[in-house]
Structures are given as C-alpha cells and as structure tokens.
Amino acid sequence: MDVKELRQLTVPELVEKEKQLKQELFNLRLQLGTGRIENPMQIRKTKRDIARVKTVLRELSAKESDASTQARGARG
C-alpha cells in the first residue's frame, strides 16, 4: 500500500483499513503456525502497512490538535 493512497482516505476509512490489515496479519500468523503459508514475506509487508496506516492517522490527529490550538489562541 502506498502512503499517497492512504493520505487520500478519511479517518473512518483508515480505521477500517487498519482493522482489515490486523485481521489479515492474524490469518497469516495462523497459516505460519500450521505451516501452510505460501509467502512468509507477506507478514512483514502487512506489518509495515499497519504502521503506515497508524502513521497517517497520527499525522491527521496532530493536524487537528494544531488547528484547535491555533483557534483557541486566536480567540484569547
């Protein structure tokens, strides 16, 4: 998943994407435990995708808090 694609999503879509990726990671780990995984590198890729989603969510929350802080400062 590309970061540019993630930045175009809304917060609820990002939260849903994170849930989907966590479920995929669970399934991959289950396959790894049973020895049925086709591509073990998929686990690493999924972990990195989860980290990317969390990073974009954190960036968005930081922007929102900065905007609210500036709005409060303008009023005072």
Protein backbone atom coordinates (compact mmCIF):
# COMPACT_ATOMS: atom_id res chain seq x y z
CA MET A 1 0.00 0.00 0.00
CA ASP A 2 1.32 3.40 -0.97
CA VAL A 3 1.36 6.30 1.51
CA LYS A 4 -0.11 8.62 -1.12
CA GLU A 5 -3.16 6.37 -1.35
CA LEU A 6 -3.53 6.32 2.43
CA ARG A 7 -3.39 10.11 2.73
CA GLN A 8 -6.40 10.38 0.41
CA LEU A 9 -8.58 8.30 2.75
CA THR A 10 -10.73 9.71 5.54
CA VAL A 11 -10.21 8.85 9.22
CA PRO A 12 -13.04 6.25 9.36
CA GLU A 13 -11.69 4.63 6.19
CA LEU A 14 -8.20 4.50 7.71
CA VAL A 15 -9.55 2.92 10.90
CA GLU A 16 -11.37 0.31 8.82
CA LYS A 17 -8.24 -0.34 6.77
CA GLU A 18 -6.27 -0.89 9.97
CA LYS A 19 -8.85 -3.44 11.17
CA GLN A 20 -8.66 -5.29 7.85
CA LEU A 21 -4.87 -5.39 7.94
CA LYS A 22 -4.83 -6.66 11.53
CA GLN A 23 -7.23 -9.44 10.54
CA GLU A 24 -5.02 -10.29 7.57
CA LEU A 25 -1.96 -10.40 9.86
CA PHE A 26 -3.82 -12.74 12.22
CA ASN A 27 -4.67 -15.06 9.33
CA LEU A 28 -1.08 -15.00 8.07
CA ARG A 29 0.27 -15.87 11.52
CA LEU A 30 -2.23 -18.70 11.73
CA GLN A 31 -1.02 -20.02 8.39
CA LEU A 32 2.58 -19.70 9.57
CA GLY A 33 1.79 -21.76 12.65
CA THR A 34 0.19 -24.52 10.62
CA GLY A 35 2.96 -24.45 8.00
CA ARG A 36 0.61 -23.54 5.16
CA ILE A 37 1.90 -20.04 4.36
CA GLU A 38 2.92 -19.52 0.75
CA ASN A 39 4.92 -16.31 1.18
CA PRO A 40 6.34 -15.57 4.65
CA MET A 41 7.41 -12.09 3.49
CA GLN A 42 3.72 -11.18 3.35
CA ILE A 43 3.76 -10.96 7.17
CA ARG A 44 6.44 -8.26 7.07
CA LYS A 45 4.59 -6.39 4.33
CA THR A 46 1.35 -6.44 6.31
CA LYS A 47 3.07 -5.20 9.48
CA ARG A 48 4.56 -2.31 7.54
CA ASP A 49 1.18 -1.46 6.01
CA ILE A 50 -0.33 -1.33 9.51
CA ALA A 51 2.47 1.00 10.60
CA ARG A 52 1.83 3.25 7.59
CA VAL A 53 -1.87 3.49 8.41
CA LYS A 54 -1.09 4.33 12.05
CA THR A 55 1.39 6.98 10.95
CA VAL A 56 -1.13 8.69 8.69
CA LEU A 57 -3.75 8.56 11.48
CA ARG A 58 -1.27 10.13 13.90
CA GLU A 59 -0.42 12.87 11.38
CA LEU A 60 -4.11 13.67 10.92
CA SER A 61 -4.74 13.84 14.66
CA ALA A 62 -1.71 16.12 15.08
CA LYS A 63 -3.06 18.46 12.40
CA GLU A 64 -6.45 18.57 14.12
CA SER A 65 -4.92 19.35 17.52
CA ASP A 66 -2.72 22.08 16.00
CA ALA A 67 -5.74 23.62 14.32
CA SER A 68 -7.76 23.60 17.53
CA THR A 69 -4.85 25.07 19.49
CA GLN A 70 -4.46 27.89 16.99
CA ALA A 71 -8.20 28.54 17.03
CA ARG A 72 -8.18 28.84 20.83
CA GLY A 73 -5.19 31.18 20.65
CA ALA A 74 -6.97 33.45 18.17
CA ARG A 75 -9.95 33.81 20.49
CA GLY A 76 -7.93 34.69 23.60
